[in-house]
N, C-alpha and C. Protein backbone atom coordinates (compact mmCIF):
# COMPACT_ATOMS: atom_id res chain seq x y z
N MET A 1 -38.12 96.51 -62.75
CA MET A 1 -39.25 96.51 -61.64
C MET A 1 -39.32 97.54 -60.69
N ARG A 2 -40.06 98.40 -60.16
CA ARG A 2 -39.63 99.11 -58.82
C ARG A 2 -40.38 98.56 -57.40
N SER A 3 -39.65 98.80 -56.61
CA SER A 3 -40.57 98.52 -55.25
C SER A 3 -40.63 99.69 -54.25
N PHE A 4 -41.31 99.62 -53.85
CA PHE A 4 -41.42 100.93 -52.58
C PHE A 4 -41.68 100.45 -51.42
N GLU A 5 -41.18 101.17 -50.28
CA GLU A 5 -41.12 100.77 -48.71
C GLU A 5 -42.67 101.08 -48.37
N ASP A 6 -43.53 101.59 -48.76
CA ASP A 6 -44.67 101.54 -48.85
C ASP A 6 -45.99 102.39 -49.36
N TYR A 7 -47.07 102.18 -49.15
CA TYR A 7 -48.10 102.33 -50.11
C TYR A 7 -47.89 104.12 -50.39
N THR A 8 -48.07 104.84 -49.85
CA THR A 8 -48.01 106.25 -49.95
C THR A 8 -47.09 106.82 -50.92
N GLN A 9 -45.66 105.93 -50.81
CA GLN A 9 -44.52 106.25 -51.66
C GLN A 9 -44.83 105.79 -52.95
N GLU A 10 -45.48 104.45 -53.16
CA GLU A 10 -45.94 104.09 -54.53
C GLU A 10 -47.03 105.07 -55.21
N LEU A 11 -47.82 105.52 -54.35
CA LEU A 11 -48.73 106.44 -55.05
C LEU A 11 -48.32 107.66 -55.51
N LYS A 12 -47.50 108.22 -54.81
CA LYS A 12 -46.61 109.46 -55.08
C LYS A 12 -45.71 109.32 -56.24
N PHE A 13 -44.76 108.45 -56.27
CA PHE A 13 -44.50 107.91 -57.86
C PHE A 13 -45.34 107.94 -58.80
N VAL A 14 -46.64 107.39 -59.08
CA VAL A 14 -47.21 106.93 -60.03
C VAL A 14 -47.91 108.40 -60.47
N ALA A 15 -48.61 109.34 -59.11
CA ALA A 15 -48.73 110.58 -59.67
C ALA A 15 -48.07 111.40 -60.24
N ASP A 16 -46.47 111.19 -59.59
CA ASP A 16 -45.54 111.95 -60.46
C ASP A 16 -45.00 111.86 -61.72
N LEU A 17 -44.96 110.50 -61.83
CA LEU A 17 -44.94 110.01 -63.10
C LEU A 17 -45.71 110.33 -64.11
N LEU A 18 -47.34 110.54 -64.23
CA LEU A 18 -48.53 110.90 -64.93
C LEU A 18 -48.22 112.52 -65.08
N LYS A 19 -47.61 112.69 -64.16
CA LYS A 19 -47.58 114.55 -64.04
C LYS A 19 -46.42 114.50 -65.34
N ASP A 20 -45.55 113.92 -65.14
CA ASP A 20 -44.48 114.25 -66.41
C ASP A 20 -44.96 113.53 -67.52
N LEU A 21 -45.55 112.44 -67.37
CA LEU A 21 -45.95 112.23 -68.97
C LEU A 21 -46.82 112.80 -69.44
N GLN A 22 -47.76 113.43 -68.69
CA GLN A 22 -48.66 115.03 -69.35
C GLN A 22 -48.18 115.55 -69.49
N ILE A 23 -47.09 116.14 -69.26
CA ILE A 23 -46.52 117.56 -69.40
C ILE A 23 -45.37 117.14 -70.60
N SER A 24 -44.77 115.82 -70.79
CA SER A 24 -43.94 115.82 -72.06
C SER A 24 -44.92 115.33 -73.35
N ALA A 25 -45.89 115.00 -73.06
CA ALA A 25 -46.93 114.76 -74.20
C ALA A 25 -48.38 114.89 -74.11
N PRO A 26 -48.86 116.07 -73.76
CA PRO A 26 -50.17 116.70 -73.37
C PRO A 26 -50.85 116.68 -74.02
N ASP A 27 -50.72 115.78 -75.50
CA ASP A 27 -51.85 115.30 -76.42
C ASP A 27 -52.09 113.54 -76.03
N ASP A 28 -51.53 112.82 -75.78
CA ASP A 28 -51.45 111.59 -75.65
C ASP A 28 -52.58 111.17 -74.40
N SER A 29 -53.21 109.88 -74.59
CA SER A 29 -53.76 109.39 -73.45
C SER A 29 -53.18 108.45 -72.79
N ILE A 30 -53.52 108.38 -71.43
CA ILE A 30 -52.81 107.69 -70.48
C ILE A 30 -53.68 106.99 -69.63
N CYS A 31 -53.26 105.35 -69.51
CA CYS A 31 -54.46 104.54 -68.51
C CYS A 31 -53.67 104.25 -67.47
N VAL A 32 -54.36 104.15 -66.53
CA VAL A 32 -53.99 103.87 -65.42
C VAL A 32 -54.66 102.33 -64.83
N LEU A 33 -54.33 101.39 -64.65
CA LEU A 33 -54.82 100.13 -64.22
C LEU A 33 -54.47 99.87 -62.88
N ALA A 34 -55.25 99.32 -62.12
CA ALA A 34 -54.82 98.80 -60.66
C ALA A 34 -55.73 97.56 -59.97
N ARG A 35 -54.95 96.66 -59.02
CA ARG A 35 -55.37 95.54 -59.00
C ARG A 35 -56.90 95.40 -57.89
N ASN A 36 -57.21 96.58 -57.94
CA ASN A 36 -58.60 96.98 -57.14
C ASN A 36 -59.23 98.36 -57.29
N ASN A 37 -60.41 98.56 -56.67
CA ASN A 37 -60.91 99.81 -56.85
C ASN A 37 -60.15 100.78 -55.84
N ARG A 38 -60.11 100.04 -54.80
CA ARG A 38 -59.36 101.01 -53.52
C ARG A 38 -57.66 101.38 -54.24
N LEU A 39 -57.25 100.90 -54.67
CA LEU A 39 -56.04 101.24 -55.29
C LEU A 39 -56.26 102.44 -56.37
N LEU A 40 -57.14 101.97 -57.22
CA LEU A 40 -57.60 103.28 -58.23
C LEU A 40 -57.92 103.96 -57.91
N GLU A 41 -58.67 104.10 -56.88
CA GLU A 41 -59.55 105.46 -56.50
C GLU A 41 -58.27 106.14 -55.43
N ALA A 42 -57.25 105.39 -54.93
CA ALA A 42 -56.13 106.18 -54.15
C ALA A 42 -55.09 107.02 -55.13
N ALA A 43 -55.07 106.09 -56.42
CA ALA A 43 -54.27 106.75 -57.59
C ALA A 43 -54.78 107.96 -58.29
N PHE A 44 -56.42 107.58 -58.14
CA PHE A 44 -56.97 108.77 -58.94
C PHE A 44 -56.67 110.20 -58.06
N GLU A 45 -56.71 109.97 -56.78
CA GLU A 45 -57.01 111.54 -55.49
C GLU A 45 -55.59 111.73 -55.79
N GLU A 46 -55.00 111.01 -55.61
CA GLU A 46 -53.09 111.58 -55.41
C GLU A 46 -52.81 111.94 -56.90
N SER A 47 -53.27 111.33 -57.86
CA SER A 47 -52.62 112.12 -59.08
C SER A 47 -53.52 113.26 -59.29
N SER A 48 -54.53 113.36 -58.88
CA SER A 48 -55.49 114.64 -59.11
C SER A 48 -54.97 115.96 -58.24
N LYS A 49 -54.30 115.50 -56.76
CA LYS A 49 -53.89 116.53 -55.92
C LYS A 49 -52.51 116.95 -56.61
N ALA A 50 -52.02 116.22 -57.61
CA ALA A 50 -50.77 116.61 -58.20
C ALA A 50 -50.80 117.45 -59.35
N GLY A 51 -52.13 117.97 -59.69
CA GLY A 51 -52.37 118.36 -60.89
C GLY A 51 -52.74 117.81 -62.30
N VAL A 52 -52.71 116.35 -62.23
CA VAL A 52 -53.00 115.71 -63.65
C VAL A 52 -54.40 115.28 -63.54
N ASN A 53 -54.77 115.83 -65.32
CA ASN A 53 -56.21 116.23 -65.21
C ASN A 53 -56.74 114.54 -65.51
N CYS A 54 -57.44 113.77 -64.69
CA CYS A 54 -57.89 112.33 -64.44
C CYS A 54 -59.56 112.52 -64.97
N GLU A 55 -59.63 111.19 -65.62
CA GLU A 55 -61.11 110.44 -65.97
C GLU A 55 -61.10 109.33 -65.03
N LYS A 56 -62.46 108.66 -64.69
CA LYS A 56 -62.38 107.37 -64.26
C LYS A 56 -63.38 106.74 -65.19
N SER A 57 -62.84 105.50 -65.33
CA SER A 57 -63.32 104.20 -66.41
C SER A 57 -63.59 102.77 -65.68
N ARG A 58 -64.58 102.27 -64.91
CA ARG A 58 -64.42 101.23 -64.29
C ARG A 58 -64.83 99.98 -65.25
N ARG A 59 -65.48 100.14 -66.28
CA ARG A 59 -65.98 99.28 -66.93
C ARG A 59 -65.27 98.60 -68.13
N LYS A 60 -65.05 97.03 -68.12
CA LYS A 60 -64.02 96.58 -68.91
C LYS A 60 -64.74 97.16 -70.70
N THR A 61 -65.80 97.17 -70.49
CA THR A 61 -66.58 97.75 -71.59
C THR A 61 -65.80 99.08 -72.73
N ASP A 62 -65.47 99.65 -71.65
CA ASP A 62 -65.22 101.10 -71.81
C ASP A 62 -63.42 101.01 -72.65
N PHE A 63 -63.19 99.67 -72.45
CA PHE A 63 -61.59 99.78 -72.75
C PHE A 63 -61.73 99.50 -74.81
N GLU A 64 -61.15 100.16 -75.09
CA GLU A 64 -61.26 99.81 -76.63
C GLU A 64 -60.13 99.23 -76.95
N ASN A 65 -58.99 99.45 -76.41
CA ASN A 65 -57.93 99.00 -76.93
C ASN A 65 -57.39 97.54 -76.28
N PRO A 66 -57.06 96.67 -77.15
CA PRO A 66 -56.88 95.23 -76.50
C PRO A 66 -55.88 95.03 -75.77
N TYR A 67 -55.18 96.11 -75.51
CA TYR A 67 -53.95 95.59 -74.70
C TYR A 67 -54.43 96.62 -73.29
N VAL A 68 -54.97 97.29 -73.33
CA VAL A 68 -55.44 97.80 -71.89
C VAL A 68 -56.47 96.84 -71.58
N LEU A 69 -57.34 96.34 -72.21
CA LEU A 69 -58.45 95.11 -72.00
C LEU A 69 -57.41 94.02 -71.37
N LEU A 70 -56.39 93.64 -71.86
CA LEU A 70 -55.32 92.47 -71.71
C LEU A 70 -54.92 92.56 -70.40
N PHE A 71 -54.23 93.69 -69.86
CA PHE A 71 -53.71 94.19 -68.50
C PHE A 71 -54.74 94.15 -67.64
N TYR A 72 -55.82 94.67 -68.15
CA TYR A 72 -57.16 94.89 -67.08
C TYR A 72 -57.26 93.25 -66.37
N LEU A 73 -57.45 92.19 -67.66
CA LEU A 73 -57.94 90.80 -67.35
C LEU A 73 -56.88 90.39 -66.59
N LEU A 74 -55.04 90.55 -66.60
CA LEU A 74 -54.06 90.26 -66.13
C LEU A 74 -54.14 90.10 -64.30
N LEU A 75 -54.71 91.56 -64.48
CA LEU A 75 -54.67 92.03 -62.69
C LEU A 75 -56.05 91.37 -62.52
N LYS A 76 -57.24 91.11 -63.04
CA LYS A 76 -58.14 90.01 -62.56
C LYS A 76 -57.87 88.84 -61.98
N LEU A 77 -56.96 88.33 -62.67
CA LEU A 77 -56.54 86.85 -62.60
C LEU A 77 -55.23 86.82 -61.83
N GLU A 78 -54.82 87.93 -61.43
CA GLU A 78 -53.72 88.23 -60.40
C GLU A 78 -54.41 87.93 -59.18
N ASN A 79 -55.78 88.59 -58.97
CA ASN A 79 -56.50 88.47 -57.42
C ASN A 79 -57.52 87.48 -57.50
N HIS A 80 -57.71 86.37 -58.93
CA HIS A 80 -58.28 85.56 -58.71
C HIS A 80 -57.70 84.24 -59.75
N ARG A 81 -56.48 83.70 -59.27
CA ARG A 81 -55.89 82.86 -59.72
C ARG A 81 -56.17 81.85 -60.34
N ASN A 82 -57.26 81.25 -59.71
CA ASN A 82 -57.97 80.07 -60.65
C ASN A 82 -59.30 80.46 -61.41
N ASP A 83 -59.40 81.69 -61.96
CA ASP A 83 -60.53 82.29 -62.70
C ASP A 83 -60.64 81.62 -63.99
N LEU A 84 -61.55 80.44 -64.87
CA LEU A 84 -60.94 79.74 -65.76
C LEU A 84 -61.72 80.95 -66.69
N ARG A 85 -62.97 81.96 -66.71
CA ARG A 85 -63.46 83.06 -67.33
C ARG A 85 -62.63 83.95 -68.14
N VAL A 86 -61.58 84.52 -66.53
CA VAL A 86 -61.02 85.48 -67.05
C VAL A 86 -59.75 84.61 -68.01
N LEU A 87 -59.16 83.64 -67.40
CA LEU A 87 -58.31 82.93 -68.39
C LEU A 87 -58.16 82.55 -69.87
N LYS A 88 -59.76 82.42 -70.13
CA LYS A 88 -60.10 82.09 -71.42
C LYS A 88 -60.28 83.58 -72.17
N GLN A 89 -61.03 84.45 -71.68
CA GLN A 89 -60.65 85.71 -71.89
C GLN A 89 -59.15 86.29 -72.78
N ILE A 90 -58.29 85.90 -71.96
CA ILE A 90 -57.07 86.47 -71.85
C ILE A 90 -56.66 85.70 -73.23
N ILE A 91 -56.83 84.42 -73.13
CA ILE A 91 -56.31 83.76 -74.06
C ILE A 91 -56.84 84.26 -75.75
N VAL A 92 -57.96 84.27 -75.42
CA VAL A 92 -58.54 85.12 -76.76
C VAL A 92 -58.01 86.39 -77.32
N ILE A 93 -57.96 87.12 -76.29
CA ILE A 93 -57.03 88.52 -76.95
C ILE A 93 -55.51 88.33 -77.32
N LEU A 94 -54.81 87.42 -76.55
CA LEU A 94 -53.39 87.07 -76.65
C LEU A 94 -53.31 86.16 -78.34
N ASP A 95 -54.24 85.30 -78.66
CA ASP A 95 -54.17 84.88 -79.76
C ASP A 95 -54.81 86.08 -80.98
N GLN A 96 -55.52 86.97 -80.44
CA GLN A 96 -56.01 87.71 -81.53
C GLN A 96 -55.26 89.24 -81.89
N ALA A 97 -55.03 89.64 -80.88
CA ALA A 97 -53.93 90.90 -80.64
C ALA A 97 -52.55 90.58 -80.66
N LEU A 98 -52.27 89.95 -80.25
CA LEU A 98 -50.45 89.48 -80.65
C LEU A 98 -50.14 88.05 -81.12
N SER A 99 -51.11 87.60 -81.79
CA SER A 99 -51.13 86.06 -82.35
C SER A 99 -50.20 85.33 -81.50
N VAL A 100 -50.32 85.01 -80.57
CA VAL A 100 -49.86 84.23 -79.67
C VAL A 100 -51.03 83.11 -79.05
N SER A 101 -50.79 81.93 -79.73
CA SER A 101 -51.67 80.89 -79.72
C SER A 101 -51.33 79.71 -77.82
N ILE A 102 -52.26 79.91 -77.19
CA ILE A 102 -51.97 79.40 -76.31
C ILE A 102 -53.08 78.13 -76.05
N ASN A 103 -52.21 76.72 -76.02
CA ASN A 103 -52.79 75.76 -75.87
C ASN A 103 -53.91 75.38 -74.35
N LEU A 104 -55.08 75.83 -74.35
CA LEU A 104 -55.80 75.96 -73.38
C LEU A 104 -55.87 74.75 -72.24
N ASP A 105 -55.98 73.43 -72.83
CA ASP A 105 -56.10 72.03 -72.18
C ASP A 105 -54.49 71.66 -71.86
N GLU A 106 -53.46 72.48 -72.45
CA GLU A 106 -52.51 72.11 -71.98
C GLU A 106 -51.75 73.17 -70.71
N LEU A 107 -52.45 74.11 -70.89
CA LEU A 107 -52.07 75.09 -69.72
C LEU A 107 -52.95 74.57 -68.28
N LEU A 108 -54.36 74.08 -68.57
CA LEU A 108 -55.01 73.59 -67.51
C LEU A 108 -54.07 72.44 -67.09
N ALA A 109 -53.79 71.76 -67.67
CA ALA A 109 -53.20 70.47 -66.93
C ALA A 109 -51.72 71.02 -66.28
N ASN A 110 -51.41 71.84 -66.51
CA ASN A 110 -49.78 72.63 -65.83
C ASN A 110 -50.18 72.92 -64.68
N ALA A 111 -51.53 73.75 -65.14
CA ALA A 111 -52.04 74.41 -63.84
C ALA A 111 -52.35 73.51 -62.45
N ASP A 112 -52.94 72.33 -63.07
CA ASP A 112 -53.37 71.44 -61.71
C ASP A 112 -51.87 71.23 -61.07
N LEU A 113 -50.89 71.29 -61.76
CA LEU A 113 -49.68 70.86 -60.66
C LEU A 113 -48.96 72.38 -60.05
N SER A 114 -50.05 73.21 -59.78
CA SER A 114 -49.86 74.13 -58.93
C SER A 114 -50.83 75.04 -58.53
N ASN A 115 -51.59 73.94 -58.24
CA ASN A 115 -52.85 74.32 -57.35
C ASN A 115 -53.67 74.91 -58.30
N ASN A 116 -53.86 74.99 -59.66
CA ASN A 116 -54.82 75.43 -60.46
C ASN A 116 -54.30 77.07 -60.07
N ASP A 117 -53.06 77.49 -60.26
CA ASP A 117 -52.77 78.77 -60.61
C ASP A 117 -52.78 79.14 -61.92
N TYR A 118 -53.71 79.61 -62.30
CA TYR A 118 -53.79 79.74 -64.00
C TYR A 118 -52.77 80.82 -64.49
N LEU A 119 -52.69 81.87 -63.27
CA LEU A 119 -51.53 82.98 -63.98
C LEU A 119 -50.21 82.31 -64.02
N SER A 120 -49.86 81.88 -63.16
CA SER A 120 -48.29 81.13 -63.13
C SER A 120 -48.14 80.28 -64.18
N ALA A 121 -49.14 79.57 -64.41
CA ALA A 121 -49.29 78.45 -65.87
C ALA A 121 -49.21 79.42 -66.98
N LEU A 122 -50.10 80.45 -67.20
CA LEU A 122 -49.92 81.01 -68.12
C LEU A 122 -48.58 81.70 -68.78
N ALA A 123 -47.98 82.20 -67.26
CA ALA A 123 -46.61 82.79 -67.73
C ALA A 123 -45.86 81.77 -68.13
N ASN A 124 -45.72 80.50 -67.77
CA ASN A 124 -45.09 79.53 -67.92
C ASN A 124 -45.21 78.97 -69.40
N GLU A 125 -46.67 79.01 -69.62
CA GLU A 125 -46.58 78.72 -70.97
C GLU A 125 -46.32 79.65 -72.31
N ILE A 126 -46.09 80.73 -71.57
CA ILE A 126 -45.88 81.77 -72.53
C ILE A 126 -44.29 81.91 -72.94
N LYS A 127 -43.73 81.92 -71.57
CA LYS A 127 -42.35 81.22 -71.68
C LYS A 127 -41.77 80.07 -72.79
N GLU A 128 -42.62 78.89 -72.25
CA GLU A 128 -42.31 77.76 -73.44
C GLU A 128 -42.28 78.33 -74.85
N CYS A 129 -43.52 78.39 -75.24
CA CYS A 129 -44.00 78.97 -76.53
C CYS A 129 -43.53 80.13 -76.89
N GLY A 130 -42.75 80.55 -76.27
CA GLY A 130 -41.80 81.48 -77.15
C GLY A 130 -42.47 82.77 -77.47
N VAL A 131 -42.82 83.67 -76.83
CA VAL A 131 -43.62 84.91 -77.12
C VAL A 131 -43.00 85.95 -78.25
N ASN A 132 -41.49 85.67 -77.54
CA ASN A 132 -40.45 85.99 -78.67
C ASN A 132 -40.35 85.33 -79.79
N GLY A 133 -40.94 84.42 -80.23
CA GLY A 133 -41.15 83.67 -81.76
C GLY A 133 -39.64 83.47 -81.98
N GLY A 134 -38.54 83.18 -81.16
CA GLY A 134 -37.33 82.64 -81.60
C GLY A 134 -36.46 84.32 -81.55
N SER A 135 -36.84 84.64 -83.43
CA SER A 135 -36.11 85.89 -83.71
C SER A 135 -37.01 87.11 -83.90
N GLN A 136 -38.46 86.65 -83.74
CA GLN A 136 -38.89 88.25 -83.71
C GLN A 136 -38.80 88.80 -82.40
N LYS A 137 -39.02 90.46 -82.71
CA LYS A 137 -39.16 91.33 -81.81
C LYS A 137 -40.17 90.81 -80.45
N SER A 138 -39.65 91.15 -79.14
CA SER A 138 -40.47 90.83 -78.06
C SER A 138 -41.59 91.95 -77.92
N SER A 139 -42.57 91.14 -77.51
CA SER A 139 -43.87 91.64 -77.15
C SER A 139 -43.93 92.48 -76.00
N GLY A 140 -42.82 92.15 -75.08
CA GLY A 140 -42.71 92.49 -73.61
C GLY A 140 -43.21 91.70 -72.80
N LEU A 141 -44.58 90.68 -73.37
CA LEU A 141 -45.49 90.20 -72.64
C LEU A 141 -44.86 88.99 -71.76
N ASP A 142 -43.90 88.73 -72.04
CA ASP A 142 -42.55 87.67 -71.15
C ASP A 142 -42.40 88.30 -69.63
N GLU A 143 -41.97 89.57 -70.01
CA GLU A 143 -41.20 90.29 -69.26
C GLU A 143 -42.45 90.62 -68.10
N ILE A 144 -43.38 91.38 -68.42
CA ILE A 144 -44.55 91.82 -67.54
C ILE A 144 -45.20 90.53 -67.02
N LEU A 145 -45.22 89.25 -67.09
CA LEU A 145 -45.70 87.79 -66.77
C LEU A 145 -44.87 87.08 -65.67
N GLY A 146 -43.49 88.18 -65.67
CA GLY A 146 -42.43 87.74 -64.59
C GLY A 146 -41.54 86.28 -65.02
């Protein structure tokens, strides 16, 4: 995980990374997600200045890939940690796309112990149930959730 001293440094890093990725794999698609529209707009502007071809998509219905939708929803839950509707959507995607079963009732019970912080409870549940499935290959989701 990277950390940055300021907002400008972070945006420059993202723009440079996107430019490098676009040069190394010009036929691939890249998706940038942000915690809010202000950050997304700033990343778009900085990337455009760096010469990266960009296009905006702000509707979750535009996300065809379940992994992109999952990250989008995780960012929403990061901003609103007690949003039950978003949590349920995440659980459905985890089950359908990654074959990770999360018990909603158990997660909600654990969230009660942490001020209804569904994201923290979800991260703990994923660690406990073992997204890695013991000897199975890691999906990386446990690392993303911290």
